[in-house]
Amino acid sequence: MRVSYDTKTDTLTVIFRGVPVAESDEEKPGVILDYDAAGNIVSIEVLDASRRVEEPGTVTVHTAE
């Protein structure tokens, strides 16, 4: 999984799988879900991230034990 924040476009992207995107849907205004050809989610994009996400440039990873 890869998380990136582009300060120029104010876009937060979470990539789950490194495969080509076949389809994208804006499920809610400013939230885009990308899918592969089989319908599996590939990534999530959050537009205007600085208004929607607390500290979009910071990532904390939690793992279940």
Foldseek 3Di string as FASTA:
>chain_A
DDWDADPVQRKIKDFDDDDDFDDWDDPDVQWIWTAHPVRHTGMIMGGNNVVPDDPSHDDDDDDDD
